[in-house]
Amino acid sequence: MKTISKIGGLHQLLGLHDHCFVAVPRDSIQCLPEANSTNKIGASFETPCGRLLIKPVEYMEMISSTRPELWATLADEVPAWVSDKRNKTSVDRTIKWLDECISLSPASGAVFGAIVGGSSLEERRRCAQEVATRNVSGISMNKTFVCAIKSEH
C-alpha cells in the first residue's frame, strides 16, 4: 500500500490514466462468508491463506493508497438463511462501518454505501433508509451499483 501511495495511486502505477478504477470489498468469485465469520470490528474475507479480518481503518488506508474514482464501503453481508436477529446485526454493523469509512475518507472518490439485510425486506429497507441519510454518491447491492447524480438545475 505504501508503494502504491508513493507512486500516486493505481493510475500512476499502471499507466492507465484514461481508465476509471472502482474499489469493491467483495469477491465476486468466492461465495458469501459464513454468517458468523465477520465480527463487530471488521469484515471477513476469504483469501488463499485463510480468512482475513479487515477493519474500517485498514480498508480506508487501502482506499487512500489506491485512489479509486469510486469505492464501496465495507458491509456485513449475510446469506439468505440467517435469523432475523443476524439480519438486524448485519444492518447495524454495515451502517456503523459506513459512518467510520466516511469519517476516515480521503478527499477523492465517490462513496457508495452498501445495502444489506439478507432476505429480510424490512431490514434491507431500513438499511437503504439509513444509507440515504449519509453523504454518499450511490448505493451498492449484491455487487450492483446504483448512482444518482445531483442536478445543478
Protein backbone atom coordinates (compact mmCIF):
# COMPACT_ATOMS: atom_id res chain seq x y z
CA MET A 1 0.00 0.00 0.00
CA LYS A 2 2.82 2.43 0.83
CA THR A 3 4.49 1.85 -2.53
CA ILE A 4 1.27 2.39 -4.48
CA SER A 5 0.60 5.55 -2.48
CA LYS A 6 4.13 6.92 -3.07
CA ILE A 7 3.76 6.27 -6.80
CA GLY A 8 0.49 8.23 -6.85
CA GLY A 9 -2.21 5.54 -6.86
CA LEU A 10 -3.24 2.86 -9.34
CA HIS A 11 -3.44 5.25 -12.30
CA GLN A 12 0.24 6.13 -11.98
CA LEU A 13 1.30 2.57 -11.16
CA LEU A 14 -0.45 1.02 -14.15
CA GLY A 15 -0.23 3.97 -16.54
CA LEU A 16 -3.96 3.78 -17.25
CA HIS A 17 -4.77 7.46 -16.90
CA ASP A 18 -7.90 7.30 -19.10
CA HIS A 19 -9.49 4.50 -17.05
CA CYS A 20 -11.74 4.55 -14.01
CA PHE A 21 -10.85 2.42 -11.00
CA VAL A 22 -13.52 1.04 -8.68
CA ALA A 23 -12.78 -0.49 -5.27
CA VAL A 24 -15.34 -3.02 -4.09
CA PRO A 25 -14.65 -5.02 -0.91
CA ARG A 26 -16.36 -8.15 -2.20
CA ASP A 27 -15.03 -11.14 -4.06
CA SER A 28 -17.32 -11.94 -6.96
CA ILE A 29 -15.82 -15.44 -7.27
CA GLN A 30 -15.97 -16.54 -3.64
CA CYS A 31 -19.33 -17.21 -2.03
CA LEU A 32 -20.52 -15.17 0.93
CA PRO A 33 -18.63 -15.74 4.16
CA GLU A 34 -20.14 -17.79 6.93
CA ALA A 35 -22.70 -15.76 8.87
CA ASN A 36 -20.50 -15.82 11.97
CA SER A 37 -17.14 -15.10 10.30
CA THR A 38 -17.48 -11.32 10.45
CA ASN A 39 -17.46 -9.64 13.82
CA LYS A 40 -18.28 -6.19 15.16
CA ILE A 41 -14.82 -4.77 14.46
CA GLY A 42 -14.43 -5.74 10.81
CA ALA A 43 -15.47 -7.65 7.72
CA SER A 44 -14.17 -11.13 6.94
CA PHE A 45 -12.74 -12.05 3.53
CA GLU A 46 -11.72 -15.43 2.21
CA THR A 47 -8.13 -15.42 0.90
CA PRO A 48 -5.85 -18.18 -0.42
CA CYS A 49 -4.21 -18.15 3.04
CA GLY A 50 -7.47 -18.32 5.01
CA ARG A 51 -9.85 -15.74 6.41
CA LEU A 52 -8.70 -12.16 6.77
CA LEU A 53 -10.46 -9.66 9.01
CA ILE A 54 -10.34 -6.08 7.67
CA LYS A 55 -11.24 -3.17 9.96
CA PRO A 56 -12.64 0.07 8.52
CA VAL A 57 -9.40 1.96 9.30
CA GLU A 58 -7.35 -0.65 7.40
CA TYR A 59 -9.77 -0.59 4.49
CA MET A 60 -9.58 3.20 4.29
CA GLU A 61 -5.77 3.01 4.24
CA MET A 62 -6.13 0.79 1.16
CA ILE A 63 -8.58 3.24 -0.42
CA SER A 64 -6.29 6.20 0.30
CA SER A 65 -3.28 4.46 -1.26
CA THR A 66 -5.01 3.19 -4.42
CA ARG A 67 -7.07 6.37 -5.06
CA PRO A 68 -10.05 4.87 -6.94
CA GLU A 69 -12.67 7.11 -8.57
CA LEU A 70 -15.42 5.11 -6.90
CA TRP A 71 -15.33 2.94 -3.81
CA ALA A 72 -17.89 0.98 -1.84
CA THR A 73 -17.82 0.85 1.94
CA LEU A 74 -17.39 -2.32 3.99
CA ALA A 75 -20.51 -4.39 4.52
CA ASP A 76 -21.55 -7.23 6.81
CA GLU A 77 -23.20 -9.33 4.12
CA VAL A 78 -25.04 -12.44 5.22
CA PRO A 79 -26.58 -15.42 3.45
CA ALA A 80 -30.35 -15.55 2.92
CA TRP A 81 -30.92 -18.20 5.59
CA VAL A 82 -29.73 -16.29 8.70
CA SER A 83 -32.06 -15.34 11.55
CA ASP A 84 -33.91 -12.03 11.84
CA LYS A 85 -31.56 -11.09 14.69
CA ARG A 86 -28.48 -11.71 12.50
CA ASN A 87 -30.03 -9.66 9.66
CA LYS A 88 -30.56 -6.76 12.08
CA THR A 89 -26.97 -7.08 13.30
CA SER A 90 -25.79 -7.08 9.69
CA VAL A 91 -27.51 -3.75 9.03
CA ASP A 92 -26.32 -2.21 12.30
CA ARG A 93 -22.69 -3.17 11.59
CA THR A 94 -22.84 -2.03 7.99
CA ILE A 95 -24.18 1.41 8.97
CA LYS A 96 -21.54 1.70 11.71
CA TRP A 97 -18.78 0.84 9.21
CA LEU A 98 -20.27 3.25 6.66
CA ASP A 99 -20.00 6.06 9.20
CA GLU A 100 -16.44 5.04 10.10
CA CYS A 101 -15.38 4.84 6.44
CA ILE A 102 -16.91 8.23 5.66
CA SER A 103 -15.20 9.83 8.67
CA LEU A 104 -11.83 8.38 7.56
CA SER A 105 -12.48 9.05 3.87
CA PRO A 106 -9.86 10.60 1.61
CA ALA A 107 -10.99 13.72 -0.22
CA SER A 108 -11.31 11.98 -3.59
CA GLY A 109 -13.55 9.29 -4.99
CA ALA A 110 -17.29 8.76 -5.00
CA VAL A 111 -18.51 6.79 -1.97
CA PHE A 112 -21.12 4.06 -2.37
CA GLY A 113 -22.93 2.75 0.70
CA ALA A 114 -23.84 -0.93 0.86
CA ILE A 115 -27.41 -2.15 1.26
CA VAL A 116 -27.57 -5.36 3.32
CA GLY A 117 -30.12 -7.24 5.38
CA GLY A 118 -30.11 -10.71 3.87
CA SER A 119 -33.55 -11.91 2.82
CA SER A 120 -35.37 -9.53 5.18
CA LEU A 121 -37.18 -6.88 3.16
CA GLU A 122 -37.73 -4.86 6.35
CA GLU A 123 -34.02 -4.83 7.23
CA ARG A 124 -32.96 -4.06 3.63
CA ARG A 125 -35.42 -1.14 3.63
CA ARG A 126 -34.08 0.09 6.99
CA CYS A 127 -30.52 -0.14 5.67
CA ALA A 128 -31.40 1.76 2.49
CA GLN A 129 -33.09 4.49 4.51
CA GLU A 130 -30.05 4.83 6.78
CA VAL A 131 -27.61 4.90 3.85
CA ALA A 132 -29.73 7.56 2.13
CA THR A 133 -29.21 9.91 5.08
CA ARG A 134 -25.41 9.74 4.68
CA ASN A 135 -23.19 11.71 2.31
CA VAL A 136 -22.85 9.03 -0.38
CA SER A 137 -22.84 9.21 -4.16
CA GLY A 138 -24.79 5.99 -4.63
CA ILE A 139 -25.52 2.54 -3.26
CA SER A 140 -24.26 -0.97 -3.87
CA MET A 141 -26.43 -4.06 -3.53
CA ASN A 142 -25.06 -7.54 -4.12
CA LYS A 143 -22.32 -6.33 -6.48
CA THR A 144 -24.67 -3.93 -8.30
CA PHE A 145 -24.06 -0.18 -8.22
CA VAL A 146 -26.75 2.46 -8.44
CA CYS A 147 -25.69 6.06 -8.86
CA ALA A 148 -27.78 9.21 -8.65
CA ILE A 149 -26.17 12.39 -9.94
CA LYS A 150 -27.40 15.59 -8.32
CA SER A 151 -28.66 18.06 -10.89
CA GLU A 152 -27.46 21.67 -10.81
CA HIS A 153 -30.89 22.84 -12.09
